[in-house]
N, C-alpha and C. Protein backbone atom coordinates (compact mmCIF):
# COMPACT_ATOMS: atom_id res chain seq x y z
N MET A 1 6.62 -12.20 -20.32
CA MET A 1 7.13 -11.52 -19.44
C MET A 1 5.70 -11.14 -18.11
N THR A 2 5.69 -11.32 -16.87
CA THR A 2 4.79 -11.09 -15.79
C THR A 2 4.19 -9.83 -16.14
N GLU A 3 3.44 -9.48 -16.60
CA GLU A 3 2.99 -7.67 -16.07
C GLU A 3 2.82 -7.59 -14.73
N TYR A 4 2.23 -7.95 -14.47
CA TYR A 4 2.33 -7.81 -12.54
C TYR A 4 1.18 -6.56 -12.48
N ARG A 5 -0.12 -6.77 -13.30
CA ARG A 5 -0.75 -5.57 -13.71
C ARG A 5 -2.22 -5.36 -12.51
N ASN A 6 -2.33 -6.31 -12.26
CA ASN A 6 -3.16 -6.95 -10.49
C ASN A 6 -3.18 -6.96 -9.41
N GLN A 7 -1.93 -5.59 -9.25
CA GLN A 7 -2.23 -5.43 -7.58
C GLN A 7 -1.84 -5.32 -5.90
N HIS A 8 -2.40 -6.42 -5.04
CA HIS A 8 -2.62 -6.43 -3.96
C HIS A 8 -2.16 -5.09 -2.93
N TYR A 9 -3.31 -4.60 -2.58
CA TYR A 9 -3.48 -4.10 -1.19
C TYR A 9 -3.51 -4.63 -0.15
N ILE A 10 -3.53 -5.65 -0.51
CA ILE A 10 -4.04 -6.99 1.17
C ILE A 10 -3.68 -7.70 0.17
N PRO A 11 -1.94 -8.59 1.08
CA PRO A 11 -1.46 -9.47 0.38
C PRO A 11 -2.52 -10.50 0.07
N GLN A 12 -2.43 -11.39 -0.80
CA GLN A 12 -3.35 -12.52 -0.72
C GLN A 12 -2.82 -13.66 -0.05
N PHE A 13 -1.91 -13.67 0.94
CA PHE A 13 -1.20 -14.74 1.37
C PHE A 13 -1.94 -14.86 2.69
N TYR A 14 -2.16 -13.43 3.40
CA TYR A 14 -3.05 -12.90 4.28
C TYR A 14 -5.04 -13.16 4.29
N LEU A 15 -5.14 -12.73 3.46
CA LEU A 15 -6.49 -13.50 2.97
C LEU A 15 -7.06 -14.72 2.47
N ARG A 16 -5.86 -15.83 2.12
CA ARG A 16 -6.15 -16.83 2.54
C ARG A 16 -6.15 -17.59 4.01
N HIS A 17 -6.24 -16.98 4.84
CA HIS A 17 -6.51 -17.27 6.49
C HIS A 17 -7.79 -16.84 7.05
N PHE A 18 -8.62 -15.81 5.73
CA PHE A 18 -10.25 -15.58 5.95
C PHE A 18 -11.14 -16.92 4.44
N SER A 19 -10.78 -17.71 4.39
CA SER A 19 -11.21 -18.70 3.33
C SER A 19 -11.06 -19.60 3.84
N SER A 20 -11.93 -20.67 3.43
CA SER A 20 -12.37 -21.54 3.83
C SER A 20 -11.88 -22.67 2.36
N ASP A 21 -11.75 -22.30 1.27
CA ASP A 21 -10.72 -23.37 0.28
C ASP A 21 -9.61 -22.98 0.56
N GLY A 22 -9.11 -21.66 0.00
CA GLY A 22 -8.13 -21.53 0.14
C GLY A 22 -7.94 -20.17 -1.61
N ALA A 23 -9.04 -19.92 -1.72
CA ALA A 23 -9.64 -19.70 -3.42
C ALA A 23 -10.27 -18.30 -3.41
N GLY A 24 -11.63 -18.57 -2.33
CA GLY A 24 -11.90 -16.63 -2.47
C GLY A 24 -12.18 -16.90 -1.05
N VAL A 25 -13.36 -15.70 -0.69
CA VAL A 25 -13.95 -14.95 0.67
C VAL A 25 -14.59 -14.47 0.70
N TYR A 26 -15.80 -14.34 0.93
CA TYR A 26 -16.79 -13.52 1.37
C TYR A 26 -16.71 -11.70 0.97
N ARG A 27 -17.07 -11.42 1.08
CA ARG A 27 -17.35 -9.90 1.45
C ARG A 27 -18.15 -8.80 0.73
N TYR A 28 -18.77 -8.05 1.63
CA TYR A 28 -19.67 -7.34 2.10
C TYR A 28 -19.33 -6.59 0.99
N SER A 29 -20.19 -6.29 -0.65
CA SER A 29 -20.16 -4.66 -1.08
C SER A 29 -20.74 -3.42 -0.97
N LEU A 30 -20.44 -2.73 -0.58
CA LEU A 30 -21.37 -1.20 -0.15
C LEU A 30 -22.17 -0.76 -1.26
N LYS A 31 -21.89 -0.57 -2.41
CA LYS A 31 -22.17 -1.04 -3.98
C LYS A 31 -23.52 -1.38 -3.71
N LYS A 32 -23.73 -2.64 -3.67
CA LYS A 32 -24.90 -3.77 -3.84
C LYS A 32 -25.73 -3.68 -2.62
N ASP A 33 -25.00 -3.72 -1.34
CA ASP A 33 -25.27 -4.11 0.15
C ASP A 33 -25.92 -5.49 -0.14
N SER A 34 -24.67 -6.00 0.11
CA SER A 34 -25.69 -7.91 -0.34
C SER A 34 -23.43 -8.45 0.22
N THR A 35 -23.50 -9.28 0.42
CA THR A 35 -22.46 -10.40 0.28
C THR A 35 -22.31 -10.72 -0.88
N GLU A 36 -21.17 -11.28 -0.66
CA GLU A 36 -20.99 -11.63 -2.55
C GLU A 36 -19.44 -12.54 -1.88
N ARG A 37 -18.70 -13.43 -3.11
CA ARG A 37 -17.97 -14.70 -2.52
C ARG A 37 -17.48 -13.59 -3.53
N SER A 38 -15.71 -14.39 -3.79
CA SER A 38 -14.57 -13.35 -4.03
C SER A 38 -14.09 -14.21 -4.65
N ASN A 39 -12.49 -13.85 -5.90
CA ASN A 39 -11.74 -14.75 -6.13
C ASN A 39 -11.30 -13.55 -5.27
N ILE A 40 -9.63 -14.71 -4.27
CA ILE A 40 -8.32 -14.11 -3.66
C ILE A 40 -7.76 -13.61 -4.71
N GLU A 41 -7.75 -13.71 -5.61
CA GLU A 41 -6.36 -13.26 -6.97
C GLU A 41 -7.25 -11.46 -7.19
N LYS A 42 -8.73 -11.47 -7.22
CA LYS A 42 -9.32 -10.31 -7.38
C LYS A 42 -9.40 -9.42 -6.37
N THR A 43 -9.74 -9.81 -5.51
CA THR A 43 -9.99 -9.59 -4.05
C THR A 43 -9.12 -8.38 -3.57
N CYS A 44 -9.65 -6.86 -2.46
CA CYS A 44 -8.18 -6.57 -2.61
C CYS A 44 -7.08 -5.83 -3.75
N ALA A 45 -7.56 -6.06 -4.15
CA ALA A 45 -6.39 -5.86 -6.08
C ALA A 45 -6.80 -4.46 -7.10
N SER A 46 -6.14 -4.49 -7.68
CA SER A 46 -6.41 -3.09 -8.47
C SER A 46 -5.47 -3.41 -9.65
N PHE A 47 -5.49 -2.89 -10.59
CA PHE A 47 -4.50 -3.12 -11.97
C PHE A 47 -3.47 -1.69 -11.88
N TRP A 48 -2.98 -1.99 -12.02
CA TRP A 48 -1.73 -0.73 -11.90
C TRP A 48 -1.62 -0.16 -10.38
N PHE A 49 -1.89 -0.51 -9.35
CA PHE A 49 -1.71 0.06 -8.01
C PHE A 49 -1.33 0.57 -7.89
N TYR A 50 0.48 0.28 -7.26
CA TYR A 50 1.38 0.78 -6.85
C TYR A 50 2.37 1.74 -7.52
N ALA A 51 2.56 0.86 -8.66
CA ALA A 51 3.61 0.91 -10.15
C ALA A 51 3.01 0.69 -11.97
N PRO A 52 3.46 1.51 -12.20
CA PRO A 52 3.02 1.86 -13.24
C PRO A 52 3.87 -0.04 -14.19
N ARG A 53 3.11 0.53 -15.41
CA ARG A 53 3.38 -1.35 -16.54
C ARG A 53 4.87 -1.28 -16.21
N SER A 54 6.08 -0.03 -16.71
CA SER A 54 7.33 0.00 -16.37
C SER A 54 7.62 0.06 -15.19
N THR A 55 7.75 -0.27 -14.32
CA THR A 55 8.48 -0.75 -13.41
C THR A 55 7.22 -1.54 -12.68
N ALA A 56 6.43 -2.00 -12.61
CA ALA A 56 5.74 -3.49 -11.60
C ALA A 56 6.20 -4.43 -11.79
N GLY A 57 7.85 -4.82 -12.70
CA GLY A 57 8.76 -6.06 -12.02
C GLY A 57 9.42 -5.69 -11.02
N GLU A 58 9.85 -4.44 -11.24
CA GLU A 58 11.68 -4.44 -10.30
C GLU A 58 10.51 -4.53 -8.85
N PHE A 59 9.14 -4.05 -8.62
CA PHE A 59 8.47 -3.06 -7.48
C PHE A 59 8.11 -4.52 -6.62
N GLU A 60 7.40 -5.35 -7.68
CA GLU A 60 7.08 -6.93 -7.43
C GLU A 60 8.17 -7.50 -6.84
N SER A 61 9.55 -7.63 -7.16
CA SER A 61 10.90 -8.21 -7.39
C SER A 61 11.62 -7.42 -5.90
N VAL A 62 11.05 -6.31 -5.18
CA VAL A 62 11.27 -5.98 -4.14
C VAL A 62 10.44 -6.53 -3.44
N LEU A 63 8.99 -6.06 -3.41
CA LEU A 63 7.81 -6.94 -2.27
C LEU A 63 7.49 -8.61 -2.00
N SER A 64 7.95 -9.76 -3.01
CA SER A 64 7.62 -10.77 -2.57
C SER A 64 8.16 -10.96 -1.78
N PRO A 65 9.86 -10.60 -1.68
CA PRO A 65 10.52 -11.82 -0.56
C PRO A 65 9.75 -11.20 0.98
N LEU A 66 9.75 -9.59 0.61
CA LEU A 66 8.80 -9.66 2.15
C LEU A 66 7.83 -10.91 1.72
N GLU A 67 6.81 -10.66 1.18
CA GLU A 67 5.45 -11.07 1.55
C GLU A 67 5.86 -12.70 1.95
N ALA A 68 6.94 -13.30 1.43
CA ALA A 68 7.11 -14.76 1.76
C ALA A 68 7.35 -14.48 2.96
N GLN A 69 8.66 -13.73 3.76
CA GLN A 69 8.44 -12.98 4.64
C GLN A 69 7.30 -13.37 6.06
N HIS A 70 7.31 -12.79 5.18
CA HIS A 70 5.82 -12.60 6.63
C HIS A 70 5.12 -13.35 6.11
N ALA A 71 4.74 -14.13 5.67
CA ALA A 71 3.73 -15.46 5.40
C ALA A 71 4.13 -16.33 6.49
N GLU A 72 5.70 -16.51 6.37
CA GLU A 72 5.70 -17.74 6.96
C GLU A 72 6.11 -17.43 8.52
N LEU A 73 6.48 -15.68 8.63
CA LEU A 73 5.81 -14.87 10.09
C LEU A 73 4.34 -15.84 10.30
N ILE A 74 3.85 -14.66 9.58
CA ILE A 74 1.67 -15.26 10.49
C ILE A 74 1.91 -16.47 10.60
N GLN A 75 1.91 -17.48 9.73
CA GLN A 75 2.08 -18.97 9.61
C GLN A 75 2.38 -19.78 10.63
N GLU A 76 3.56 -19.11 11.25
CA GLU A 76 3.89 -19.25 13.10
C GLU A 76 3.51 -18.64 14.15
N ILE A 77 3.26 -17.83 14.61
CA ILE A 77 2.37 -17.34 14.88
C ILE A 77 1.05 -18.40 14.71
N LEU A 78 0.37 -18.57 14.40
CA LEU A 78 -0.92 -19.00 13.99
C LEU A 78 -0.83 -20.71 14.51
N ASP A 79 0.53 -20.87 14.12
CA ASP A 79 0.69 -22.50 14.55
C ASP A 79 0.57 -23.32 15.70
N THR A 80 1.60 -21.74 16.14
CA THR A 80 1.96 -22.08 17.60
C THR A 80 1.44 -21.01 18.30
N ARG A 81 0.48 -20.51 17.80
CA ARG A 81 -0.48 -19.96 18.99
C ARG A 81 0.06 -19.19 20.04
N SER A 82 1.27 -18.88 20.03
CA SER A 82 2.18 -17.89 21.36
C SER A 82 2.72 -16.90 20.88
N PRO A 83 2.35 -14.96 21.20
CA PRO A 83 2.45 -13.74 20.55
C PRO A 83 4.38 -14.12 21.49
N SER A 84 4.36 -14.92 22.02
CA SER A 84 5.52 -14.97 22.20
C SER A 84 7.09 -15.20 21.43
N VAL A 85 5.95 -16.00 20.56
CA VAL A 85 7.18 -15.87 19.10
C VAL A 85 7.60 -15.12 18.64
N VAL A 86 7.31 -13.81 19.20
CA VAL A 86 7.34 -12.94 18.02
C VAL A 86 7.97 -11.06 19.21
N SER A 87 7.79 -11.96 20.42
CA SER A 87 8.05 -10.84 21.57
C SER A 87 9.63 -10.26 21.17
N PRO A 88 9.73 -9.28 21.89
CA PRO A 88 11.29 -8.34 21.70
C PRO A 88 11.49 -8.63 23.43
N TRP A 89 11.16 -9.33 24.31
CA TRP A 89 11.87 -9.75 25.57
C TRP A 89 12.45 -11.31 25.62
N SER A 90 11.18 -12.02 24.77
CA SER A 90 12.09 -13.35 24.20
C SER A 90 13.51 -14.17 24.35
N LYS A 91 13.45 -15.13 25.72
CA LYS A 91 14.59 -15.70 25.10
C LYS A 91 16.02 -15.80 24.58
N ASP A 92 14.50 -16.54 23.22
CA ASP A 92 14.33 -16.87 22.24
C ASP A 92 15.76 -15.55 21.28
N PRO A 93 17.13 -15.91 20.11
CA PRO A 93 17.25 -14.88 20.22
C PRO A 93 16.96 -14.85 17.89
N HIS A 94 16.47 -15.74 17.96
CA HIS A 94 15.85 -14.75 16.88
C HIS A 94 14.15 -13.87 17.42
N SER A 95 13.67 -14.00 18.29
CA SER A 95 12.42 -13.90 18.72
C SER A 95 12.17 -11.96 17.57
N TYR A 96 13.76 -11.21 18.94
CA TYR A 96 13.31 -9.89 17.89
C TYR A 96 13.34 -9.77 16.95
N GLU A 97 14.34 -10.44 15.92
CA GLU A 97 13.67 -9.78 15.09
C GLU A 97 12.95 -10.35 13.93
N ARG A 98 11.91 -10.89 14.44
CA ARG A 98 10.43 -11.49 14.07
C ARG A 98 9.35 -10.74 14.41
N TYR A 99 9.19 -10.55 15.89
CA TYR A 99 9.17 -9.31 16.26
C TYR A 99 9.26 -8.02 15.18
N LEU A 100 10.46 -7.73 14.93
CA LEU A 100 11.14 -6.03 14.13
C LEU A 100 9.59 -7.39 12.34
N SER A 101 9.79 -7.80 12.51
CA SER A 101 9.35 -9.00 10.54
C SER A 101 7.86 -8.14 10.80
N LEU A 102 6.84 -8.47 12.26
CA LEU A 102 5.67 -8.12 12.45
C LEU A 102 5.31 -7.13 11.94
N CYS A 103 6.42 -5.83 13.32
CA CYS A 103 5.62 -4.65 13.39
C CYS A 103 6.29 -4.12 11.48
N GLN A 104 7.24 -4.73 11.05
CA GLN A 104 7.32 -4.59 9.24
C GLN A 104 5.67 -4.56 8.66
N PHE A 105 5.05 -5.96 8.30
CA PHE A 105 4.17 -6.16 7.94
C PHE A 105 3.55 -5.79 8.34
N ILE A 106 3.01 -4.92 9.37
CA ILE A 106 2.20 -4.40 10.34
C ILE A 106 2.27 -2.74 9.32
N LEU A 107 3.54 -2.22 9.32
CA LEU A 107 3.36 -0.95 8.09
C LEU A 107 3.67 -0.92 7.28
N LEU A 108 3.37 -2.50 6.48
CA LEU A 108 3.39 -2.18 5.18
C LEU A 108 1.90 -2.06 5.05
N THR A 109 1.48 -2.77 6.04
CA THR A 109 0.37 -2.81 5.19
C THR A 109 -0.64 -2.13 5.36
N SER A 110 -0.31 -1.18 6.32
CA SER A 110 -1.29 -0.16 6.55
C SER A 110 -0.66 1.11 5.49
N THR A 111 0.06 0.94 4.82
CA THR A 111 0.53 1.86 4.01
C THR A 111 0.47 1.68 2.36
N ARG A 112 -0.08 0.74 1.81
CA ARG A 112 -0.46 -0.09 0.80
C ARG A 112 -2.03 -0.55 0.73
N THR A 113 -2.96 0.83 0.98
CA THR A 113 -3.95 0.78 1.00
C THR A 113 -4.51 1.60 0.11
N LYS A 114 -5.88 1.93 0.07
CA LYS A 114 -5.80 2.73 -1.24
C LYS A 114 -5.99 4.71 0.04
N LEU A 115 -6.72 4.78 0.80
CA LEU A 115 -6.98 4.93 2.29
C LEU A 115 -5.39 5.72 1.62
N ALA A 116 -4.24 4.60 2.29
CA ALA A 116 -2.32 5.45 2.32
C ALA A 116 -2.65 6.24 0.76
N LYS A 117 -2.34 5.64 -0.16
CA LYS A 117 -3.35 6.50 -1.18
C LYS A 117 -3.11 7.08 -1.42
N SER A 118 -4.56 8.21 -0.79
CA SER A 118 -5.71 9.03 -0.92
C SER A 118 -4.53 9.75 0.24
N GLU A 119 -4.29 9.69 1.50
CA GLU A 119 -3.51 10.27 1.94
C GLU A 119 -2.40 10.71 1.87
N VAL A 120 -1.28 10.41 1.32
CA VAL A 120 0.08 10.58 0.65
C VAL A 120 -0.72 11.84 -0.66
N GLU A 121 -1.42 11.81 -1.35
CA GLU A 121 -2.11 12.84 -2.28
C GLU A 121 -2.72 14.21 -1.35
N ALA A 122 -3.50 13.75 -0.34
CA ALA A 122 -3.83 14.82 0.40
C ALA A 122 -2.69 15.84 0.86
N VAL A 123 -1.22 15.37 1.33
CA VAL A 123 -0.08 15.62 1.66
C VAL A 123 0.19 17.05 0.96
N ALA A 124 0.52 15.90 -0.19
CA ALA A 124 0.43 16.16 -1.64
C ALA A 124 0.59 18.33 -2.58
N ASN A 125 -1.31 17.66 -1.68
CA ASN A 125 -2.02 18.71 -2.92
C ASN A 125 -1.67 19.50 -1.05
N PHE A 126 -1.84 19.82 0.17
CA PHE A 126 -1.58 20.57 0.96
C PHE A 126 -0.98 21.23 0.68
N ALA A 127 0.82 20.93 0.18
CA ALA A 127 1.81 21.49 0.24
C ALA A 127 2.03 22.08 -1.11
N PHE A 128 1.37 21.93 -2.55
CA PHE A 128 0.49 22.27 -4.02
C PHE A 128 0.00 23.49 -3.44
N ASP A 129 -1.05 23.55 -2.76
CA ASP A 129 -1.87 24.16 -2.44
C ASP A 129 -1.73 25.56 -1.47
N SER A 130 -1.37 25.76 -0.11
CA SER A 130 -0.36 26.44 0.52
C SER A 130 1.02 27.24 -0.11
N VAL A 131 1.78 26.39 -1.15
CA VAL A 131 3.45 26.93 -1.55
C VAL A 131 3.69 27.33 -2.73
N MET A 132 2.39 25.87 -3.61
CA MET A 132 3.04 26.39 -5.49
C MET A 132 1.70 27.19 -5.24
N LYS A 133 0.95 26.99 -5.74
CA LYS A 133 -0.64 28.18 -5.84
C LYS A 133 -0.71 29.32 -5.35
N PRO A 134 -0.71 29.71 -4.41
CA PRO A 134 -0.22 31.26 -4.60
C PRO A 134 1.82 31.78 -5.60
N TYR A 135 2.69 31.20 -5.49
CA TYR A 135 3.34 31.10 -6.32
C TYR A 135 3.14 31.68 -7.48
N LEU A 136 2.53 30.49 -8.14
CA LEU A 136 2.01 30.77 -9.57
C LEU A 136 1.10 31.44 -9.76
N LYS A 137 0.46 32.15 -9.15
CA LYS A 137 -0.85 32.95 -8.69
C LYS A 137 -0.39 34.67 -9.05
N GLN A 138 1.19 34.70 -8.65
CA GLN A 138 1.91 35.97 -8.43
C GLN A 138 3.35 36.47 -9.57
N SER A 139 3.56 35.37 -10.86
CA SER A 139 4.69 34.95 -10.88
C SER A 139 3.59 35.78 -12.82
N GLU A 140 4.81 36.70 -12.89
CA GLU A 140 5.05 37.30 -14.27
C GLU A 140 4.41 36.60 -15.40
N LYS A 141 5.59 35.53 -15.50
CA LYS A 141 5.39 34.73 -16.66
C LYS A 141 4.26 33.57 -16.67
N VAL A 142 3.43 33.69 -15.11
CA VAL A 142 1.99 32.88 -15.49
C VAL A 142 1.50 33.41 -15.85
N ARG A 143 0.75 35.13 -15.82
CA ARG A 143 0.23 35.94 -16.25
C ARG A 143 0.61 35.75 -17.55
N ALA A 144 1.53 36.13 -18.14
CA ALA A 144 2.12 36.59 -18.91
C ALA A 144 1.35 35.47 -20.61
N ARG A 145 1.11 33.52 -19.71
CA ARG A 145 0.87 32.95 -20.68
C ARG A 145 -0.29 33.52 -21.02
N GLY A 146 -1.08 34.24 -20.15
CA GLY A 146 -2.56 33.81 -20.18
C GLY A 146 -3.49 33.04 -19.03
N ILE A 147 -2.53 32.09 -17.95
CA ILE A 147 -2.90 31.51 -17.07
C ILE A 147 -3.68 32.01 -15.98
N LYS A 148 -5.20 31.96 -16.23
CA LYS A 148 -5.98 32.44 -15.17
C LYS A 148 -5.66 32.16 -13.44
N PRO A 149 -6.14 32.90 -13.09
CA PRO A 149 -5.53 31.87 -11.45
C PRO A 149 -7.11 30.90 -10.98
N GLU A 150 -8.01 31.43 -11.39
CA GLU A 150 -9.65 30.52 -11.63
C GLU A 150 -8.74 28.74 -11.52
N PHE A 151 -8.02 28.23 -12.88
CA PHE A 151 -7.61 27.79 -13.77
C PHE A 151 -6.61 26.93 -13.19
N ILE A 152 -5.67 27.81 -12.05
CA ILE A 152 -4.76 27.32 -10.82
C ILE A 152 -5.01 26.75 -9.88
N ASP A 153 -6.38 27.80 -9.73
CA ASP A 153 -6.91 27.20 -8.06
C ASP A 153 -7.88 25.58 -8.47
N GLY A 154 -8.13 25.14 -9.38
CA GLY A 154 -9.03 24.16 -10.14
C GLY A 154 -7.79 22.92 -10.12
N LEU A 155 -6.20 23.49 -10.27
CA LEU A 155 -5.59 21.62 -10.25
C LEU A 155 -5.57 20.99 -8.70
N ARG A 156 -5.35 20.22 -9.29
CA ARG A 156 -4.60 18.67 -7.79
C ARG A 156 -3.43 18.41 -8.69
N VAL A 157 -2.67 17.05 -7.17
CA VAL A 157 -1.95 16.74 -7.27
C VAL A 157 -2.17 15.53 -7.45
N SER A 158 -2.21 14.41 -8.15
CA SER A 158 -2.57 12.90 -8.08
C SER A 158 -1.30 12.22 -8.99
N ARG A 159 -0.25 11.28 -7.77
CA ARG A 159 0.28 10.40 -8.11
C ARG A 159 -0.42 8.55 -8.06
N ASP A 160 0.49 8.63 -9.87
CA ASP A 160 0.04 6.98 -10.14
C ASP A 160 0.50 6.16 -8.81
N THR A 161 1.84 6.85 -7.97
CA THR A 161 2.73 6.19 -7.26
C THR A 161 2.20 6.03 -5.62
N ALA A 162 1.85 7.15 -5.88
CA ALA A 162 1.32 7.61 -4.32
C ALA A 162 1.51 6.55 -3.34
N ASN A 163 1.10 5.02 -3.71
CA ASN A 163 1.19 3.88 -2.20
C ASN A 163 3.02 3.82 -2.11
N LEU A 164 3.77 3.78 -3.41
CA LEU A 164 4.45 3.54 -3.67
C LEU A 164 5.79 3.86 -2.76
N GLU A 165 5.45 5.61 -2.87
CA GLU A 165 6.04 6.48 -2.01
C GLU A 165 5.27 6.97 0.02
N GLY A 166 4.54 5.70 -0.35
CA GLY A 166 3.90 5.65 1.42
C GLY A 166 3.81 4.99 2.06
N MET A 167 4.49 3.71 1.04
CA MET A 167 5.25 2.43 1.79
C MET A 167 6.71 2.38 1.72
N VAL A 168 7.56 3.01 1.05
CA VAL A 168 9.45 3.17 0.81
C VAL A 168 9.39 3.43 2.53
N GLY A 169 8.70 4.03 3.59
CA GLY A 169 9.30 3.45 5.04
C GLY A 169 9.41 2.37 5.24
N ALA A 170 8.29 1.79 5.69
CA ALA A 170 8.24 0.85 5.98
C ALA A 170 9.24 -0.25 5.30
N LEU A 171 9.75 -0.15 3.80
CA LEU A 171 10.83 -1.36 3.08
C LEU A 171 11.87 -0.73 2.51
N VAL A 172 12.32 0.09 2.88
CA VAL A 172 13.81 0.63 3.10
C VAL A 172 13.90 0.22 4.99
N GLY A 173 12.56 0.12 5.82
CA GLY A 173 13.05 0.12 7.29
C GLY A 173 13.22 -2.02 7.58
N SER A 174 13.46 -2.63 6.46
CA SER A 174 12.96 -3.78 6.11
C SER A 174 14.67 -4.49 7.37
N PRO A 175 13.69 -5.43 7.99
CA PRO A 175 14.96 -6.10 8.75
C PRO A 175 16.34 -7.07 8.05
């Protein structure tokens, strides 16, 4: 059974459009302050980025058909070199559907990044800091257990599935 542990936050089909051989891309490494060639299978990917092992297969079964649809659409745009392929005002009855699919690709791509994950966590921490921490600091039960306000101040929300939570809107809005 496939594990789906190496989860790409930029789809591989999209990265291949920036590759001369379809297998690797050149990227700039901030850590090394240099350009390096990277295998597409390992580029813009992290282990268990969206979903843990227990749900990775289910997540992949939802994402894979969408990526295939988006790959086909992007290829069509590149082949025709015509934005009218996805124009909402085109006379082609399928153009509007393709337009919605392109919008979904853009939205989905923007929500499946490391930045998007940190933004979801920032919103969760804002809510936690604004609502839960004051409540916990005033709670008699918390004080009775010997938990000090300094400990509560140090608590942070970290979500392994923050990307998935951020992507739900794009996934649910599928045409």
